[in-house]
Amino acid sequence: MSNDIKVQKTVFSTTEFNKVVNTTFSTYTQPITGSSLYSTDEFFRMYDNLYYVINVTGPTNSHEYLVKKSSELLHFDATTQNIQPLLDEIAQLRGQLLSANQQILAQQTAV
């Protein structure tokens, strides 16, 4: 049993090709115009309205996602290595405050 398949080839000259095929760089969907995009003010107004509705953590649609995405733009590294000197200074100041409070308490009880 034989099945014959006919293949037909159509060839266009350059001028005919340009008449038949759109050679401009266009998209399948209409480009988004400036009027349909949100302005920065509108974005932050919506963000303020949704602030408590947005999940705190999660791979997408969360505050954690926003921080990570913004950190990529700012080249922010959230490791404690960069803030360790500040944490050490806070611990030192807390120790000094505790010592001063103990001295005040000792003087008040001595009177």
N, C-alpha and C. Protein backbone atom coordinates (compact mmCIF):
# COMPACT_ATOMS: atom_id res chain seq x y z
N MET A 1 0.83 -1.15 0.00
CA MET A 1 0.00 0.00 0.00
C MET A 1 0.89 1.23 0.00
N SER A 2 0.68 2.09 -0.92
CA SER A 2 1.53 3.24 -1.10
C SER A 2 0.73 4.51 -0.90
N ASN A 3 1.28 5.41 -0.10
CA ASN A 3 0.67 6.72 0.11
C ASN A 3 1.58 7.77 -0.50
N ASP A 4 1.11 8.40 -1.51
CA ASP A 4 1.89 9.44 -2.16
C ASP A 4 1.53 10.78 -1.55
N ILE A 5 2.54 11.55 -1.24
CA ILE A 5 2.34 12.89 -0.69
C ILE A 5 2.93 13.87 -1.68
N LYS A 6 2.10 14.80 -2.08
CA LYS A 6 2.58 15.82 -3.00
C LYS A 6 3.08 17.01 -2.19
N VAL A 7 4.26 17.50 -2.52
CA VAL A 7 4.83 18.67 -1.90
C VAL A 7 4.92 19.74 -2.96
N GLN A 8 4.37 20.88 -2.63
CA GLN A 8 4.38 21.97 -3.59
C GLN A 8 5.17 23.12 -3.01
N LYS A 9 6.07 23.66 -3.77
CA LYS A 9 6.94 24.73 -3.32
C LYS A 9 6.56 26.01 -4.06
N THR A 10 6.38 27.08 -3.29
CA THR A 10 6.09 28.37 -3.89
C THR A 10 7.30 29.27 -3.67
N VAL A 11 7.77 29.86 -4.74
CA VAL A 11 8.94 30.73 -4.67
C VAL A 11 8.51 32.14 -5.04
N PHE A 12 8.96 33.11 -4.23
CA PHE A 12 8.64 34.50 -4.49
C PHE A 12 9.92 35.25 -4.84
N SER A 13 9.77 36.22 -5.71
CA SER A 13 10.90 37.11 -5.97
C SER A 13 10.99 38.08 -4.79
N THR A 14 12.04 38.86 -4.72
CA THR A 14 12.23 39.78 -3.61
C THR A 14 11.09 40.78 -3.51
N THR A 15 10.66 41.31 -4.61
CA THR A 15 9.57 42.30 -4.56
C THR A 15 8.26 41.63 -4.16
N GLU A 16 8.01 40.43 -4.67
CA GLU A 16 6.79 39.73 -4.27
C GLU A 16 6.84 39.33 -2.80
N PHE A 17 8.02 38.93 -2.33
CA PHE A 17 8.19 38.53 -0.93
C PHE A 17 7.84 39.69 0.00
N ASN A 18 8.34 40.88 -0.30
CA ASN A 18 8.05 42.05 0.54
C ASN A 18 6.58 42.43 0.51
N LYS A 19 5.88 42.11 -0.56
CA LYS A 19 4.44 42.37 -0.62
C LYS A 19 3.66 41.36 0.23
N VAL A 20 4.16 40.14 0.32
CA VAL A 20 3.45 39.07 1.00
C VAL A 20 3.81 39.00 2.49
N VAL A 21 5.08 39.20 2.82
CA VAL A 21 5.55 39.03 4.19
C VAL A 21 5.87 40.40 4.79
N ASN A 22 5.37 40.62 6.01
CA ASN A 22 5.65 41.86 6.72
C ASN A 22 7.05 41.76 7.31
N THR A 23 7.97 42.55 6.83
CA THR A 23 9.36 42.46 7.28
C THR A 23 9.72 43.49 8.34
N THR A 24 8.74 44.25 8.79
CA THR A 24 9.01 45.19 9.87
C THR A 24 9.04 44.42 11.18
N PHE A 25 9.79 44.92 12.14
CA PHE A 25 9.87 44.27 13.43
C PHE A 25 8.68 44.72 14.27
N SER A 26 7.70 43.86 14.35
CA SER A 26 6.51 44.16 15.14
C SER A 26 6.23 43.00 16.07
N THR A 27 5.37 43.22 17.04
CA THR A 27 5.04 42.18 18.00
C THR A 27 3.66 41.62 17.73
N TYR A 28 3.38 40.50 18.34
CA TYR A 28 2.07 39.88 18.19
C TYR A 28 1.02 40.57 19.05
N THR A 29 1.47 41.23 20.10
CA THR A 29 0.54 41.97 20.95
C THR A 29 0.85 43.44 20.83
N GLN A 30 -0.12 44.24 21.16
CA GLN A 30 0.07 45.67 21.11
C GLN A 30 1.00 46.10 22.25
N PRO A 31 1.96 46.96 21.98
CA PRO A 31 2.84 47.40 23.06
C PRO A 31 2.06 48.19 24.11
N ILE A 32 2.54 48.13 25.33
CA ILE A 32 1.89 48.85 26.43
C ILE A 32 2.22 50.33 26.28
N THR A 33 1.20 51.12 26.28
CA THR A 33 1.42 52.55 26.16
C THR A 33 1.65 53.16 27.53
N GLY A 34 2.21 54.33 27.57
CA GLY A 34 2.50 55.00 28.83
C GLY A 34 1.27 55.24 29.66
N SER A 35 0.12 55.41 29.04
CA SER A 35 -1.08 55.69 29.81
C SER A 35 -1.58 54.47 30.58
N SER A 36 -1.19 53.24 30.15
CA SER A 36 -1.67 52.06 30.86
C SER A 36 -0.67 51.59 31.91
N LEU A 37 0.51 52.20 31.98
CA LEU A 37 1.47 51.86 33.02
C LEU A 37 1.17 52.66 34.27
N TYR A 38 1.57 52.12 35.42
CA TYR A 38 1.38 52.84 36.67
C TYR A 38 2.54 53.81 36.87
N SER A 39 2.24 54.96 37.39
CA SER A 39 3.29 55.91 37.72
C SER A 39 3.90 55.48 39.05
N THR A 40 5.03 56.03 39.38
CA THR A 40 5.68 55.72 40.65
C THR A 40 4.80 56.11 41.82
N ASP A 41 4.15 57.25 41.71
CA ASP A 41 3.24 57.69 42.78
C ASP A 41 2.08 56.71 42.96
N GLU A 42 1.52 56.24 41.84
CA GLU A 42 0.41 55.28 41.92
C GLU A 42 0.87 53.96 42.53
N PHE A 43 2.07 53.52 42.15
CA PHE A 43 2.61 52.27 42.69
C PHE A 43 2.73 52.36 44.21
N PHE A 44 3.33 53.43 44.71
CA PHE A 44 3.52 53.54 46.15
C PHE A 44 2.21 53.77 46.89
N ARG A 45 1.26 54.40 46.26
CA ARG A 45 -0.07 54.55 46.86
C ARG A 45 -0.71 53.17 47.01
N MET A 46 -0.60 52.33 45.96
CA MET A 46 -1.15 50.97 46.04
C MET A 46 -0.38 50.14 47.07
N TYR A 47 0.94 50.32 47.10
CA TYR A 47 1.77 49.58 48.05
C TYR A 47 1.37 49.92 49.48
N ASP A 48 1.16 51.21 49.76
CA ASP A 48 0.74 51.61 51.10
C ASP A 48 -0.62 51.00 51.46
N ASN A 49 -1.52 50.93 50.50
CA ASN A 49 -2.84 50.33 50.75
C ASN A 49 -2.75 48.83 50.99
N LEU A 50 -1.79 48.17 50.33
CA LEU A 50 -1.68 46.71 50.44
C LEU A 50 -0.62 46.25 51.44
N TYR A 51 0.01 47.18 52.12
CA TYR A 51 1.16 46.88 52.97
C TYR A 51 0.89 45.72 53.93
N TYR A 52 -0.22 45.76 54.64
CA TYR A 52 -0.52 44.73 55.63
C TYR A 52 -1.14 43.48 55.02
N VAL A 53 -1.53 43.55 53.76
CA VAL A 53 -2.12 42.39 53.09
C VAL A 53 -1.03 41.50 52.47
N ILE A 54 0.08 42.10 52.11
CA ILE A 54 1.18 41.37 51.45
C ILE A 54 1.81 40.42 52.46
N ASN A 55 2.07 39.18 52.02
CA ASN A 55 2.73 38.20 52.88
C ASN A 55 4.12 38.70 53.26
N VAL A 56 4.53 38.38 54.48
CA VAL A 56 5.85 38.81 54.94
C VAL A 56 6.94 38.03 54.23
N THR A 57 6.80 36.71 54.17
CA THR A 57 7.80 35.86 53.52
C THR A 57 7.17 35.09 52.38
N GLY A 58 8.01 34.64 51.48
CA GLY A 58 7.55 33.85 50.34
C GLY A 58 8.43 34.12 49.13
N PRO A 59 8.46 33.15 48.20
CA PRO A 59 9.33 33.30 47.03
C PRO A 59 8.88 34.40 46.07
N THR A 60 7.58 34.70 46.05
CA THR A 60 7.06 35.79 45.20
C THR A 60 5.93 36.48 45.95
N ASN A 61 5.57 37.65 45.49
CA ASN A 61 4.45 38.42 46.05
C ASN A 61 4.53 38.57 47.57
N SER A 62 5.71 38.88 48.08
CA SER A 62 5.90 39.06 49.52
C SER A 62 6.87 40.20 49.76
N HIS A 63 6.89 40.66 51.01
CA HIS A 63 7.86 41.69 51.38
C HIS A 63 9.29 41.16 51.21
N GLU A 64 9.47 39.90 51.56
CA GLU A 64 10.80 39.29 51.40
C GLU A 64 11.25 39.35 49.93
N TYR A 65 10.34 39.05 49.02
CA TYR A 65 10.64 39.11 47.58
C TYR A 65 11.01 40.53 47.16
N LEU A 66 10.25 41.52 47.65
CA LEU A 66 10.53 42.92 47.31
C LEU A 66 11.91 43.34 47.81
N VAL A 67 12.26 42.92 49.01
CA VAL A 67 13.58 43.27 49.56
C VAL A 67 14.68 42.63 48.72
N LYS A 68 14.52 41.36 48.38
CA LYS A 68 15.53 40.68 47.57
C LYS A 68 15.66 41.32 46.20
N LYS A 69 14.54 41.64 45.59
CA LYS A 69 14.55 42.24 44.25
C LYS A 69 15.20 43.62 44.29
N SER A 70 14.85 44.43 45.29
CA SER A 70 15.44 45.75 45.42
C SER A 70 16.92 45.66 45.78
N SER A 71 17.29 44.64 46.55
CA SER A 71 18.69 44.45 46.92
C SER A 71 19.56 44.14 45.71
N GLU A 72 18.99 43.47 44.72
CA GLU A 72 19.74 43.21 43.48
C GLU A 72 20.09 44.52 42.79
N LEU A 73 19.15 45.44 42.80
CA LEU A 73 19.37 46.73 42.16
C LEU A 73 20.37 47.59 42.94
N LEU A 74 20.29 47.51 44.26
CA LEU A 74 21.15 48.31 45.12
C LEU A 74 22.47 47.63 45.44
N HIS A 75 22.63 46.38 45.05
CA HIS A 75 23.80 45.58 45.39
C HIS A 75 23.99 45.53 46.90
N PHE A 76 22.88 45.29 47.60
CA PHE A 76 22.86 45.24 49.06
C PHE A 76 23.15 43.83 49.52
N ASP A 77 24.10 43.67 50.44
CA ASP A 77 24.43 42.36 50.98
C ASP A 77 23.98 42.34 52.43
N ALA A 78 23.04 41.48 52.75
CA ALA A 78 22.43 41.48 54.09
C ALA A 78 23.16 40.57 55.07
N THR A 79 24.40 40.20 54.79
CA THR A 79 25.12 39.34 55.71
C THR A 79 25.53 40.13 56.94
N THR A 80 25.65 39.44 58.07
CA THR A 80 26.01 40.11 59.32
C THR A 80 27.48 40.50 59.34
N GLN A 81 28.27 40.02 58.40
CA GLN A 81 29.69 40.36 58.37
C GLN A 81 29.86 41.88 58.22
N ASN A 82 29.03 42.51 57.42
CA ASN A 82 29.14 43.95 57.19
C ASN A 82 28.64 44.77 58.38
N ILE A 83 27.73 44.21 59.17
CA ILE A 83 27.16 44.97 60.28
C ILE A 83 27.71 44.51 61.63
N GLN A 84 28.60 43.56 61.63
CA GLN A 84 29.13 43.03 62.90
C GLN A 84 29.78 44.10 63.76
N PRO A 85 30.59 45.03 63.21
CA PRO A 85 31.15 46.08 64.07
C PRO A 85 30.07 46.91 64.76
N LEU A 86 28.97 47.16 64.08
CA LEU A 86 27.86 47.92 64.69
C LEU A 86 27.20 47.11 65.80
N LEU A 87 27.01 45.81 65.57
CA LEU A 87 26.43 44.96 66.60
C LEU A 87 27.34 44.89 67.83
N ASP A 88 28.66 44.85 67.60
CA ASP A 88 29.61 44.84 68.72
C ASP A 88 29.53 46.14 69.51
N GLU A 89 29.41 47.28 68.81
CA GLU A 89 29.31 48.56 69.49
C GLU A 89 28.02 48.66 70.30
N ILE A 90 26.92 48.13 69.75
CA ILE A 90 25.65 48.12 70.49
C ILE A 90 25.79 47.31 71.76
N ALA A 91 26.44 46.14 71.67
CA ALA A 91 26.63 45.30 72.86
C ALA A 91 27.48 46.02 73.89
N GLN A 92 28.53 46.73 73.44
CA GLN A 92 29.39 47.48 74.35
C GLN A 92 28.60 48.60 75.04
N LEU A 93 27.79 49.34 74.27
CA LEU A 93 27.00 50.43 74.85
C LEU A 93 25.95 49.91 75.82
N ARG A 94 25.39 48.74 75.54
CA ARG A 94 24.42 48.15 76.47
C ARG A 94 25.11 47.80 77.79
N GLY A 95 26.33 47.29 77.68
CA GLY A 95 27.10 46.98 78.89
C GLY A 95 27.38 48.23 79.70
N GLN A 96 27.75 49.33 79.02
CA GLN A 96 28.00 50.59 79.72
C GLN A 96 26.72 51.11 80.37
N LEU A 97 25.59 50.99 79.67
CA LEU A 97 24.32 51.44 80.22
C LEU A 97 23.94 50.63 81.45
N LEU A 98 24.15 49.32 81.40
CA LEU A 98 23.85 48.46 82.54
C LEU A 98 24.72 48.86 83.73
N SER A 99 26.00 49.11 83.48
CA SER A 99 26.92 49.51 84.55
C SER A 99 26.49 50.84 85.16
N ALA A 100 26.12 51.81 84.32
CA ALA A 100 25.68 53.11 84.82
C ALA A 100 24.40 52.99 85.62
N ASN A 101 23.46 52.16 85.16
CA ASN A 101 22.20 51.95 85.89
C ASN A 101 22.46 51.29 87.25
N GLN A 102 23.43 50.38 87.31
CA GLN A 102 23.77 49.73 88.58
C GLN A 102 24.38 50.74 89.55
N GLN A 103 25.22 51.65 89.02
CA GLN A 103 25.82 52.68 89.88
C GLN A 103 24.75 53.62 90.43
N ILE A 104 23.79 54.00 89.56
CA ILE A 104 22.70 54.87 90.00
C ILE A 104 21.87 54.18 91.07
N LEU A 105 21.56 52.91 90.86
CA LEU A 105 20.78 52.16 91.83
C LEU A 105 21.53 52.04 93.16
N ALA A 106 22.84 51.81 93.09
CA ALA A 106 23.66 51.69 94.31
C ALA A 106 23.67 53.02 95.06
N GLN A 107 23.76 54.12 94.39
CA GLN A 107 23.77 55.44 95.04
C GLN A 107 22.40 55.76 95.64
N GLN A 108 21.33 55.35 94.97
CA GLN A 108 19.99 55.63 95.48
C GLN A 108 19.72 54.79 96.74
N THR A 109 20.19 53.58 96.77
CA THR A 109 19.95 52.73 97.95
C THR A 109 20.87 53.11 99.09
N ALA A 110 22.00 53.75 98.81
CA ALA A 110 22.94 54.17 99.87
C ALA A 110 22.41 55.38 100.60
N VAL A 111 21.56 56.15 100.01
CA VAL A 111 21.06 57.37 100.63
C VAL A 111 20.03 57.08 101.64
